[in-house]
């Protein structure tokens, strides 16, 4: 039987779609031998690797969201408004306000306190080492000094996931000897290569990136930087998913990475897209089986 690897990409709150993917694979009894995760994909993947029960991990995630004070996260200073003000002066005022906010950050390496992520992971993940997980697991991070992708497969699972989810600009990087570690999405947004390195014969890649890009009506410095980052990320994700045997892209059009209150919708999107991909997944698995098993009538 070929080893099946699941490569879960980053994407903030949109990463809840990964729960939907796991739920369907579990219901269809498609075994997962290896999980690699980047950023939010590492959080979801780590939860499931420790406890391969989709209902239990979804319940745990929803309980966490139900007890979270979103104002304390500071996302209200970053999230784009749902409806742009039509008046030019209002848009100009908002742009100035954003510029003042960004300028006030000075030389800080992140706008959020690292304790926020640390506390969240204590609730979402059990204490223990990666080696003790029920499913072989690897969290992907990036070394800012060398530019290399880091595949973390040993030591504290919480620490590995934390390092994978240090969103640049929002959470400060961590120093580890000569390495300065930040979010895995910088170098491998969809960790397909990492899944292969860990021994996966069949890789199912899951991207929760949004591909829709409306016209940039307010080309301020901040919005231009955001758009450039989206374009770069989408290109890197395309390259990675192109290397997978099956790629799952839930429809999350128009959804921002900070919309944690939409997690139920994201989970359902993951379920729906995975069900569509089941024939392709089964075909990919059959194609990697030994030839004698492929000709048996019950395969």
C-alpha atoms as a PDB file:
ATOM      1  CA  UNK A   1       0.000   0.000   0.000  1.00  0.00           C
ATOM      2  CA  UNK A   2       1.508   3.372  -0.946  1.00  0.00           C
ATOM      3  CA  UNK A   3       2.121   5.900   1.810  1.00  0.00           C
ATOM      4  CA  UNK A   4      -0.353   8.765   1.567  1.00  0.00           C
ATOM      5  CA  UNK A   5       0.794  12.225   2.557  1.00  0.00           C
ATOM      6  CA  UNK A   6      -1.341  15.288   3.213  1.00  0.00           C
ATOM      7  CA  UNK A   7       0.279  18.693   2.616  1.00  0.00           C
ATOM      8  CA  UNK A   8      -1.734  21.432   4.350  1.00  0.00           C
ATOM      9  CA  UNK A   9      -1.038  25.009   3.332  1.00  0.00           C
ATOM     10  CA  UNK A  10      -1.182  28.215   5.323  1.00  0.00           C
ATOM     11  CA  UNK A  11      -3.956  30.770   5.162  1.00  0.00           C
ATOM     12  CA  UNK A  12      -4.974  31.925   8.624  1.00  0.00           C
ATOM     13  CA  UNK A  13      -8.644  31.425   9.447  1.00  0.00           C
ATOM     14  CA  UNK A  14      -9.252  29.968   5.985  1.00  0.00           C
ATOM     15  CA  UNK A  15      -7.182  27.003   7.151  1.00  0.00           C
ATOM     16  CA  UNK A  16     -10.295  25.708   8.936  1.00  0.00           C
ATOM     17  CA  UNK A  17     -11.099  24.218   5.521  1.00  0.00           C
ATOM     18  CA  UNK A  18      -8.421  21.628   6.323  1.00  0.00           C
ATOM     19  CA  UNK A  19     -10.744  20.206   8.992  1.00  0.00           C
ATOM     20  CA  UNK A  20     -13.342  19.590   6.299  1.00  0.00           C
ATOM     21  CA  UNK A  21     -10.767  17.804   4.141  1.00  0.00           C
ATOM     22  CA  UNK A  22      -9.748  15.559   7.035  1.00  0.00           C
ATOM     23  CA  UNK A  23     -13.378  14.820   7.890  1.00  0.00           C
ATOM     24  CA  UNK A  24     -14.171  13.537   4.396  1.00  0.00           C
ATOM     25  CA  UNK A  25     -10.967  11.490   4.063  1.00  0.00           C
ATOM     26  CA  UNK A  26     -11.737   9.906   7.426  1.00  0.00           C
ATOM     27  CA  UNK A  27     -15.344   9.134   6.464  1.00  0.00           C
ATOM     28  CA  UNK A  28     -14.162   7.581   3.196  1.00  0.00           C
ATOM     29  CA  UNK A  29     -11.542   5.523   5.066  1.00  0.00           C
ATOM     30  CA  UNK A  30      -8.670   6.955   3.069  1.00  0.00           C
ATOM     31  CA  UNK A  31      -5.684   6.473   5.382  1.00  0.00           C
ATOM     32  CA  UNK A  32      -3.259   9.327   6.030  1.00  0.00           C
ATOM     33  CA  UNK A  33       0.278   8.147   6.793  1.00  0.00           C
ATOM     34  CA  UNK A  34       2.076  11.504   6.743  1.00  0.00           C
ATOM     35  CA  UNK A  35       0.987  15.088   7.404  1.00  0.00           C
ATOM     36  CA  UNK A  36       3.044  18.169   6.653  1.00  0.00           C
ATOM     37  CA  UNK A  37       1.739  21.607   7.523  1.00  0.00           C
ATOM     38  CA  UNK A  38       2.628  25.229   6.979  1.00  0.00           C
ATOM     39  CA  UNK A  39       1.398  27.918   9.391  1.00  0.00           C
ATOM     40  CA  UNK A  40      -2.343  27.291   9.959  1.00  0.00           C
ATOM     41  CA  UNK A  41      -1.878  23.999   8.115  1.00  0.00           C
ATOM     42  CA  UNK A  42       0.659  23.039  10.786  1.00  0.00           C
ATOM     43  CA  UNK A  43      -1.825  23.874  13.554  1.00  0.00           C
ATOM     44  CA  UNK A  44      -4.609  21.770  12.023  1.00  0.00           C
ATOM     45  CA  UNK A  45      -2.193  19.038  10.962  1.00  0.00           C
ATOM     46  CA  UNK A  46      -0.597  18.897  14.390  1.00  0.00           C
ATOM     47  CA  UNK A  47      -3.985  18.599  16.083  1.00  0.00           C
ATOM     48  CA  UNK A  48      -5.002  15.715  13.837  1.00  0.00           C
ATOM     49  CA  UNK A  49      -1.610  13.984  14.021  1.00  0.00           C
ATOM     50  CA  UNK A  50      -1.956  13.870  17.815  1.00  0.00           C
ATOM     51  CA  UNK A  51      -5.607  12.800  17.725  1.00  0.00           C
ATOM     52  CA  UNK A  52      -6.791  11.352  14.365  1.00  0.00           C
ATOM     53  CA  UNK A  53     -10.458  12.011  15.071  1.00  0.00           C
ATOM     54  CA  UNK A  54     -11.921  14.774  12.916  1.00  0.00           C
ATOM     55  CA  UNK A  55     -15.011  15.254  15.075  1.00  0.00           C
ATOM     56  CA  UNK A  56     -12.893  15.641  18.214  1.00  0.00           C
ATOM     57  CA  UNK A  57     -10.417  18.134  16.726  1.00  0.00           C
ATOM     58  CA  UNK A  58     -13.197  20.202  15.140  1.00  0.00           C
ATOM     59  CA  UNK A  59     -15.005  20.329  18.476  1.00  0.00           C
ATOM     60  CA  UNK A  60     -11.786  21.404  20.204  1.00  0.00           C
ATOM     61  CA  UNK A  61     -11.141  24.120  17.604  1.00  0.00           C
ATOM     62  CA  UNK A  62     -14.694  25.491  17.840  1.00  0.00           C
ATOM     63  CA  UNK A  63     -14.486  25.539  21.635  1.00  0.00           C
ATOM     64  CA  UNK A  64     -11.288  27.575  21.364  1.00  0.00           C
ATOM     65  CA  UNK A  65     -12.918  30.057  18.979  1.00  0.00           C
ATOM     66  CA  UNK A  66     -15.915  30.369  21.269  1.00  0.00           C
ATOM     67  CA  UNK A  67     -13.697  31.502  24.121  1.00  0.00           C
ATOM     68  CA  UNK A  68     -11.455  33.874  22.136  1.00  0.00           C
ATOM     69  CA  UNK A  69     -11.439  37.640  22.637  1.00  0.00           C
ATOM     70  CA  UNK A  70     -10.884  38.818  19.065  1.00  0.00           C
ATOM     71  CA  UNK A  71     -10.352  42.451  20.005  1.00  0.00           C
ATOM     72  CA  UNK A  72      -7.312  41.380  22.022  1.00  0.00           C
ATOM     73  CA  UNK A  73      -5.685  40.032  18.848  1.00  0.00           C
ATOM     74  CA  UNK A  74      -5.407  43.504  17.295  1.00  0.00           C
ATOM     75  CA  UNK A  75      -6.783  42.296  13.951  1.00  0.00           C
ATOM     76  CA  UNK A  76      -9.183  45.223  13.729  1.00  0.00           C
ATOM     77  CA  UNK A  77      -6.178  47.367  12.727  1.00  0.00           C
ATOM     78  CA  UNK A  78      -5.318  45.065   9.818  1.00  0.00           C
ATOM     79  CA  UNK A  79      -8.502  43.539   8.425  1.00  0.00           C
ATOM     80  CA  UNK A  80      -9.773  45.316   5.308  1.00  0.00           C
ATOM     81  CA  UNK A  81     -13.366  46.591   5.591  1.00  0.00           C
ATOM     82  CA  UNK A  82     -16.062  44.531   3.853  1.00  0.00           C
ATOM     83  CA  UNK A  83     -17.457  47.527   1.991  1.00  0.00           C
ATOM     84  CA  UNK A  84     -15.160  50.272   0.837  1.00  0.00           C
ATOM     85  CA  UNK A  85     -16.399  53.793   1.568  1.00  0.00           C
ATOM     86  CA  UNK A  86     -17.336  55.331  -1.790  1.00  0.00           C
ATOM     87  CA  UNK A  87     -16.319  58.873  -0.871  1.00  0.00           C
ATOM     88  CA  UNK A  88     -12.793  59.787  -1.962  1.00  0.00           C
ATOM     89  CA  UNK A  89     -12.089  61.844   1.185  1.00  0.00           C
ATOM     90  CA  UNK A  90     -13.143  58.964   3.432  1.00  0.00           C
ATOM     91  CA  UNK A  91     -10.841  56.572   1.594  1.00  0.00           C
ATOM     92  CA  UNK A  92      -8.013  59.099   1.837  1.00  0.00           C
ATOM     93  CA  UNK A  93      -8.598  59.513   5.580  1.00  0.00           C
ATOM     94  CA  UNK A  94      -8.492  55.766   6.086  1.00  0.00           C
ATOM     95  CA  UNK A  95      -5.247  55.500   4.143  1.00  0.00           C
ATOM     96  CA  UNK A  96      -3.669  58.215   6.329  1.00  0.00           C
ATOM     97  CA  UNK A  97      -4.880  56.449   9.472  1.00  0.00           C
ATOM     98  CA  UNK A  98      -3.323  53.190   8.311  1.00  0.00           C
ATOM     99  CA  UNK A  99      -0.061  54.960   7.518  1.00  0.00           C
ATOM    100  CA  UNK A 100       0.062  56.469  11.004  1.00  0.00           C
ATOM    101  CA  UNK A 101      -0.640  53.061  12.532  1.00  0.00           C
ATOM    102  CA  UNK A 102       2.085  51.340  10.519  1.00  0.00           C
ATOM    103  CA  UNK A 103       4.522  54.179  11.214  1.00  0.00           C
ATOM    104  CA  UNK A 104       3.864  53.927  14.936  1.00  0.00           C
ATOM    105  CA  UNK A 105       5.244  50.393  14.946  1.00  0.00           C
ATOM    106  CA  UNK A 106       8.781  51.737  14.666  1.00  0.00           C
ATOM    107  CA  UNK A 107      11.357  48.982  14.699  1.00  0.00           C
ATOM    108  CA  UNK A 108       9.181  46.304  16.277  1.00  0.00           C
ATOM    109  CA  UNK A 109       9.468  42.874  14.638  1.00  0.00           C
ATOM    110  CA  UNK A 110       5.743  42.122  15.011  1.00  0.00           C
ATOM    111  CA  UNK A 111       2.448  43.846  15.783  1.00  0.00           C
ATOM    112  CA  UNK A 112       1.089  40.992  17.921  1.00  0.00           C
ATOM    113  CA  UNK A 113       2.444  39.634  21.170  1.00  0.00           C
ATOM    114  CA  UNK A 114       3.972  36.143  20.749  1.00  0.00           C
ATOM    115  CA  UNK A 115       2.110  35.054  23.899  1.00  0.00           C
ATOM    116  CA  UNK A 116      -1.151  35.154  21.915  1.00  0.00           C
ATOM    117  CA  UNK A 117      -0.040  32.302  19.664  1.00  0.00           C
ATOM    118  CA  UNK A 118       1.647  30.461  22.518  1.00  0.00           C
ATOM    119  CA  UNK A 119      -1.535  30.505  24.616  1.00  0.00           C
ATOM    120  CA  UNK A 120      -3.655  29.371  21.668  1.00  0.00           C
ATOM    121  CA  UNK A 121      -1.413  26.387  21.003  1.00  0.00           C
ATOM    122  CA  UNK A 122      -1.597  25.333  24.657  1.00  0.00           C
ATOM    123  CA  UNK A 123      -5.358  25.020  24.199  1.00  0.00           C
ATOM    124  CA  UNK A 124      -5.343  23.426  20.747  1.00  0.00           C
ATOM    125  CA  UNK A 125      -2.421  21.009  21.095  1.00  0.00           C
ATOM    126  CA  UNK A 126      -1.473  18.476  23.731  1.00  0.00           C
ATOM    127  CA  UNK A 127       1.939  18.584  25.332  1.00  0.00           C
ATOM    128  CA  UNK A 128       4.378  16.126  23.742  1.00  0.00           C
ATOM    129  CA  UNK A 129       6.989  15.573  21.077  1.00  0.00           C
ATOM    130  CA  UNK A 130       6.381  15.243  17.356  1.00  0.00           C
ATOM    131  CA  UNK A 131       7.763  11.710  17.486  1.00  0.00           C
ATOM    132  CA  UNK A 132       4.936  10.720  19.847  1.00  0.00           C
ATOM    133  CA  UNK A 133       2.129  11.756  17.466  1.00  0.00           C
ATOM    134  CA  UNK A 134      -0.235   9.083  16.134  1.00  0.00           C
ATOM    135  CA  UNK A 135       0.523  10.115  12.533  1.00  0.00           C
ATOM    136  CA  UNK A 136       3.973  10.990  11.162  1.00  0.00           C
ATOM    137  CA  UNK A 137       4.053  14.799  11.200  1.00  0.00           C
ATOM    138  CA  UNK A 138       6.295  17.635  10.063  1.00  0.00           C
ATOM    139  CA  UNK A 139       5.867  21.390  10.540  1.00  0.00           C
ATOM    140  CA  UNK A 140       7.416  23.688   7.951  1.00  0.00           C
ATOM    141  CA  UNK A 141       9.172  26.938   8.875  1.00  0.00           C
ATOM    142  CA  UNK A 142      11.675  29.301   7.219  1.00  0.00           C
ATOM    143  CA  UNK A 143      15.132  30.504   8.248  1.00  0.00           C
ATOM    144  CA  UNK A 144      15.324  34.226   7.477  1.00  0.00           C
ATOM    145  CA  UNK A 145      19.125  34.204   7.617  1.00  0.00           C
ATOM    146  CA  UNK A 146      19.737  31.469   5.046  1.00  0.00           C
ATOM    147  CA  UNK A 147      16.412  31.534   3.225  1.00  0.00           C
ATOM    148  CA  UNK A 148      16.133  27.765   3.653  1.00  0.00           C
ATOM    149  CA  UNK A 149      12.954  25.826   4.329  1.00  0.00           C
ATOM    150  CA  UNK A 150      13.035  24.051   7.688  1.00  0.00           C
ATOM    151  CA  UNK A 151      11.202  20.745   8.091  1.00  0.00           C
ATOM    152  CA  UNK A 152      10.677  20.274  11.823  1.00  0.00           C
ATOM    153  CA  UNK A 153      10.129  16.611  12.703  1.00  0.00           C
ATOM    154  CA  UNK A 154      11.596  16.285  16.205  1.00  0.00           C
ATOM    155  CA  UNK A 155      11.163  17.823  19.637  1.00  0.00           C
ATOM    156  CA  UNK A 156       8.205  19.675  21.076  1.00  0.00           C
ATOM    157  CA  UNK A 157       5.217  19.606  18.736  1.00  0.00           C
ATOM    158  CA  UNK A 158       3.886  22.884  20.110  1.00  0.00           C
ATOM    159  CA  UNK A 159       7.229  24.606  19.514  1.00  0.00           C
ATOM    160  CA  UNK A 160       7.466  23.290  15.948  1.00  0.00           C
ATOM    161  CA  UNK A 161       3.927  24.422  15.134  1.00  0.00           C
ATOM    162  CA  UNK A 162       4.524  27.800  16.751  1.00  0.00           C
ATOM    163  CA  UNK A 163       7.597  28.396  14.607  1.00  0.00           C
ATOM    164  CA  UNK A 164       5.700  27.378  11.486  1.00  0.00           C
ATOM    165  CA  UNK A 165       2.969  29.930  12.258  1.00  0.00           C
ATOM    166  CA  UNK A 166       5.038  33.061  13.009  1.00  0.00           C
ATOM    167  CA  UNK A 167       3.341  35.260  10.414  1.00  0.00           C
ATOM    168  CA  UNK A 168       5.946  37.819   9.216  1.00  0.00           C
ATOM    169  CA  UNK A 169       5.181  41.318  10.422  1.00  0.00           C
ATOM    170  CA  UNK A 170       2.532  40.101  12.853  1.00  0.00           C
ATOM    171  CA  UNK A 171       4.580  37.809  15.089  1.00  0.00           C
ATOM    172  CA  UNK A 172       8.320  38.238  15.689  1.00  0.00           C
ATOM    173  CA  UNK A 173      10.715  35.556  14.419  1.00  0.00           C
ATOM    174  CA  UNK A 174      12.510  33.256  16.867  1.00  0.00           C
ATOM    175  CA  UNK A 175      16.276  33.069  17.208  1.00  0.00           C
ATOM    176  CA  UNK A 176      17.727  29.544  17.361  1.00  0.00           C
ATOM    177  CA  UNK A 177      21.521  29.634  17.197  1.00  0.00           C
ATOM    178  CA  UNK A 178      22.383  31.135  13.820  1.00  0.00           C
ATOM    179  CA  UNK A 179      18.863  30.611  12.524  1.00  0.00           C
ATOM    180  CA  UNK A 180      16.136  33.267  12.626  1.00  0.00           C
ATOM    181  CA  UNK A 181      12.924  31.300  12.246  1.00  0.00           C
ATOM    182  CA  UNK A 182       9.639  32.546  10.800  1.00  0.00           C
ATOM    183  CA  UNK A 183       6.486  31.298   9.087  1.00  0.00           C
ATOM    184  CA  UNK A 184       6.831  28.375   6.672  1.00  0.00           C
ATOM    185  CA  UNK A 185       4.659  30.167   4.141  1.00  0.00           C
ATOM    186  CA  UNK A 186       7.608  32.386   3.234  1.00  0.00           C
ATOM    187  CA  UNK A 187       9.431  29.507   1.522  1.00  0.00           C
ATOM    188  CA  UNK A 188       6.927  26.621   1.164  1.00  0.00           C
ATOM    189  CA  UNK A 189       3.287  27.748   1.381  1.00  0.00           C
ATOM    190  CA  UNK A 190       2.022  24.265   0.425  1.00  0.00           C
ATOM    191  CA  UNK A 191       4.505  21.722   1.875  1.00  0.00           C
ATOM    192  CA  UNK A 192       4.420  19.153  -0.942  1.00  0.00           C
ATOM    193  CA  UNK A 193       8.202  18.791  -1.180  1.00  0.00           C
ATOM    194  CA  UNK A 194       8.365  18.236   2.565  1.00  0.00           C
ATOM    195  CA  UNK A 195       5.741  15.468   2.356  1.00  0.00           C
ATOM    196  CA  UNK A 196       7.851  13.740  -0.294  1.00  0.00           C
ATOM    197  CA  UNK A 197      10.954  14.056   1.888  1.00  0.00           C
ATOM    198  CA  UNK A 198       9.098  12.334   4.703  1.00  0.00           C
ATOM    199  CA  UNK A 199       8.346   9.363   2.461  1.00  0.00           C
ATOM    200  CA  UNK A 200       4.940  10.032   0.911  1.00  0.00           C
ATOM    201  CA  UNK A 201       4.252   8.127  -2.313  1.00  0.00           C
ATOM    202  CA  UNK A 202       0.958   9.915  -2.947  1.00  0.00           C
ATOM    203  CA  UNK A 203       0.653  13.569  -1.924  1.00  0.00           C
ATOM    204  CA  UNK A 204      -2.691  15.320  -1.535  1.00  0.00           C
ATOM    205  CA  UNK A 205      -2.077  19.074  -1.400  1.00  0.00           C
ATOM    206  CA  UNK A 206      -4.611  21.446   0.120  1.00  0.00           C
ATOM    207  CA  UNK A 207      -4.442  25.156  -0.649  1.00  0.00           C
ATOM    208  CA  UNK A 208      -6.708  27.640   1.092  1.00  0.00           C
ATOM    209  CA  UNK A 209      -5.383  30.627  -0.827  1.00  0.00           C
ATOM    210  CA  UNK A 210      -7.907  32.844  -2.567  1.00  0.00           C
ATOM    211  CA  UNK A 211      -7.346  33.195  -6.290  1.00  0.00           C
ATOM    212  CA  UNK A 212      -9.858  35.981  -6.966  1.00  0.00           C
ATOM    213  CA  UNK A 213      -8.267  39.418  -7.223  1.00  0.00           C
ATOM    214  CA  UNK A 214     -10.615  42.365  -7.725  1.00  0.00           C
ATOM    215  CA  UNK A 215      -9.243  45.541  -9.244  1.00  0.00           C
ATOM    216  CA  UNK A 216      -7.065  47.544  -6.858  1.00  0.00           C
ATOM    217  CA  UNK A 217      -9.295  50.591  -6.463  1.00  0.00           C
ATOM    218  CA  UNK A 218      -7.238  52.143  -3.671  1.00  0.00           C
ATOM    219  CA  UNK A 219      -3.558  51.787  -4.732  1.00  0.00           C
ATOM    220  CA  UNK A 220      -2.079  52.999  -1.453  1.00  0.00           C
ATOM    221  CA  UNK A 221       1.350  51.805  -0.361  1.00  0.00           C
ATOM    222  CA  UNK A 222      -0.138  49.311   2.098  1.00  0.00           C
ATOM    223  CA  UNK A 223      -2.622  47.894  -0.407  1.00  0.00           C
ATOM    224  CA  UNK A 224       0.053  47.588  -3.096  1.00  0.00           C
ATOM    225  CA  UNK A 225       2.279  45.667  -0.678  1.00  0.00           C
ATOM    226  CA  UNK A 226      -0.648  43.397   0.232  1.00  0.00           C
ATOM    227  CA  UNK A 227      -1.441  42.719  -3.416  1.00  0.00           C
ATOM    228  CA  UNK A 228       2.192  41.933  -4.267  1.00  0.00           C
ATOM    229  CA  UNK A 229       2.326  39.471  -1.387  1.00  0.00           C
ATOM    230  CA  UNK A 230      -0.884  37.781  -2.609  1.00  0.00           C
ATOM    231  CA  UNK A 231       0.491  37.461  -6.157  1.00  0.00           C
ATOM    232  CA  UNK A 232       3.787  36.034  -4.904  1.00  0.00           C
ATOM    233  CA  UNK A 233       2.027  33.608  -2.582  1.00  0.00           C
ATOM    234  CA  UNK A 234      -0.389  32.392  -5.255  1.00  0.00           C
ATOM    235  CA  UNK A 235       2.489  31.779  -7.668  1.00  0.00           C
ATOM    236  CA  UNK A 236       4.432  29.763  -5.094  1.00  0.00           C
ATOM    237  CA  UNK A 237       1.303  27.798  -4.192  1.00  0.00           C
ATOM    238  CA  UNK A 238       0.699  26.990  -7.874  1.00  0.00           C
ATOM    239  CA  UNK A 239       4.238  25.644  -8.177  1.00  0.00           C
ATOM    240  CA  UNK A 240       3.844  23.452  -5.095  1.00  0.00           C
ATOM    241  CA  UNK A 241       0.377  22.077  -5.901  1.00  0.00           C
ATOM    242  CA  UNK A 242       1.626  21.279  -9.395  1.00  0.00           C
ATOM    243  CA  UNK A 243       4.000  18.760  -7.796  1.00  0.00           C
ATOM    244  CA  UNK A 244       1.221  16.964  -5.890  1.00  0.00           C
ATOM    245  CA  UNK A 245      -0.699  13.930  -7.107  1.00  0.00           C
ATOM    246  CA  UNK A 246      -3.987  15.603  -6.192  1.00  0.00           C
ATOM    247  CA  UNK A 247      -4.630  19.279  -5.415  1.00  0.00           C
ATOM    248  CA  UNK A 248      -7.647  20.448  -3.406  1.00  0.00           C
ATOM    249  CA  UNK A 249      -8.592  24.143  -3.626  1.00  0.00           C
ATOM    250  CA  UNK A 250     -11.733  24.908  -1.587  1.00  0.00           C
ATOM    251  CA  UNK A 251     -13.686  27.889  -2.892  1.00  0.00           C
ATOM    252  CA  UNK A 252     -12.931  30.644  -0.382  1.00  0.00           C
ATOM    253  CA  UNK A 253     -13.351  33.564  -2.744  1.00  0.00           C
ATOM    254  CA  UNK A 254     -13.340  36.962  -1.095  1.00  0.00           C
ATOM    255  CA  UNK A 255     -12.491  35.616   2.348  1.00  0.00           C
ATOM    256  CA  UNK A 256      -9.765  37.298   4.407  1.00  0.00           C
ATOM    257  CA  UNK A 257      -7.278  35.245   6.413  1.00  0.00           C
ATOM    258  CA  UNK A 258      -8.476  36.872   9.669  1.00  0.00           C
ATOM    259  CA  UNK A 259     -12.163  35.878   9.425  1.00  0.00           C
ATOM    260  CA  UNK A 260     -12.122  33.289  12.220  1.00  0.00           C
ATOM    261  CA  UNK A 261     -15.848  33.715  12.836  1.00  0.00           C
ATOM    262  CA  UNK A 262     -16.468  32.198   9.378  1.00  0.00           C
ATOM    263  CA  UNK A 263     -14.759  28.918  10.284  1.00  0.00           C
ATOM    264  CA  UNK A 264     -17.942  26.841   9.932  1.00  0.00           C
ATOM    265  CA  UNK A 265     -18.274  28.045   6.353  1.00  0.00           C
ATOM    266  CA  UNK A 266     -14.618  27.230   5.680  1.00  0.00           C
ATOM    267  CA  UNK A 267     -14.972  23.694   7.075  1.00  0.00           C
ATOM    268  CA  UNK A 268     -17.941  23.048   4.775  1.00  0.00           C
ATOM    269  CA  UNK A 269     -16.005  24.386   1.784  1.00  0.00           C
ATOM    270  CA  UNK A 270     -13.218  21.924   2.552  1.00  0.00           C
ATOM    271  CA  UNK A 271     -15.715  19.065   2.750  1.00  0.00           C
ATOM    272  CA  UNK A 272     -17.410  19.956  -0.524  1.00  0.00           C
ATOM    273  CA  UNK A 273     -14.199  20.283  -2.526  1.00  0.00           C
ATOM    274  CA  UNK A 274     -12.748  17.054  -1.124  1.00  0.00           C
ATOM    275  CA  UNK A 275     -15.863  15.074  -2.083  1.00  0.00           C
ATOM    276  CA  UNK A 276     -15.448  16.326  -5.638  1.00  0.00           C
ATOM    277  CA  UNK A 277     -11.850  15.112  -5.633  1.00  0.00           C
ATOM    278  CA  UNK A 278     -12.500  11.600  -4.257  1.00  0.00           C
ATOM    279  CA  UNK A 279     -12.361   9.833  -7.674  1.00  0.00           C
ATOM    280  CA  UNK A 280      -9.054  11.580  -8.416  1.00  0.00           C
ATOM    281  CA  UNK A 281      -7.660  10.667  -4.999  1.00  0.00           C
ATOM    282  CA  UNK A 282      -8.617   6.997  -5.343  1.00  0.00           C
ATOM    283  CA  UNK A 283      -7.169   6.897  -8.850  1.00  0.00           C
ATOM    284  CA  UNK A 284      -3.872   8.370  -7.634  1.00  0.00           C
ATOM    285  CA  UNK A 285      -3.655   5.786  -4.853  1.00  0.00           C
ATOM    286  CA  UNK A 286      -4.402   2.890  -7.244  1.00  0.00           C
ATOM    287  CA  UNK A 287      -1.773   4.175  -9.620  1.00  0.00           C
ATOM    288  CA  UNK A 288       0.937   3.872  -6.968  1.00  0.00           C
ATOM    289  CA  UNK A 289       0.031   0.357  -5.850  1.00  0.00           C
ATOM    290  CA  UNK A 290       2.111  -2.631  -6.885  1.00  0.00           C
ATOM    291  CA  UNK A 291       0.947  -3.917 -10.274  1.00  0.00           C
ATOM    292  CA  UNK A 292      -0.398  -7.178  -8.872  1.00  0.00           C
ATOM    293  CA  UNK A 293      -2.833  -5.256  -6.629  1.00  0.00           C
ATOM    294  CA  UNK A 294      -3.935  -3.025  -9.478  1.00  0.00           C
ATOM    295  CA  UNK A 295      -5.258  -5.964 -11.526  1.00  0.00           C
ATOM    296  CA  UNK A 296      -7.194  -7.586  -8.692  1.00  0.00           C
ATOM    297  CA  UNK A 297     -10.976  -7.188  -9.217  1.00  0.00           C
ATOM    298  CA  UNK A 298     -11.676  -5.671  -5.784  1.00  0.00           C
ATOM    299  CA  UNK A 299      -9.188  -2.822  -6.236  1.00  0.00           C
END
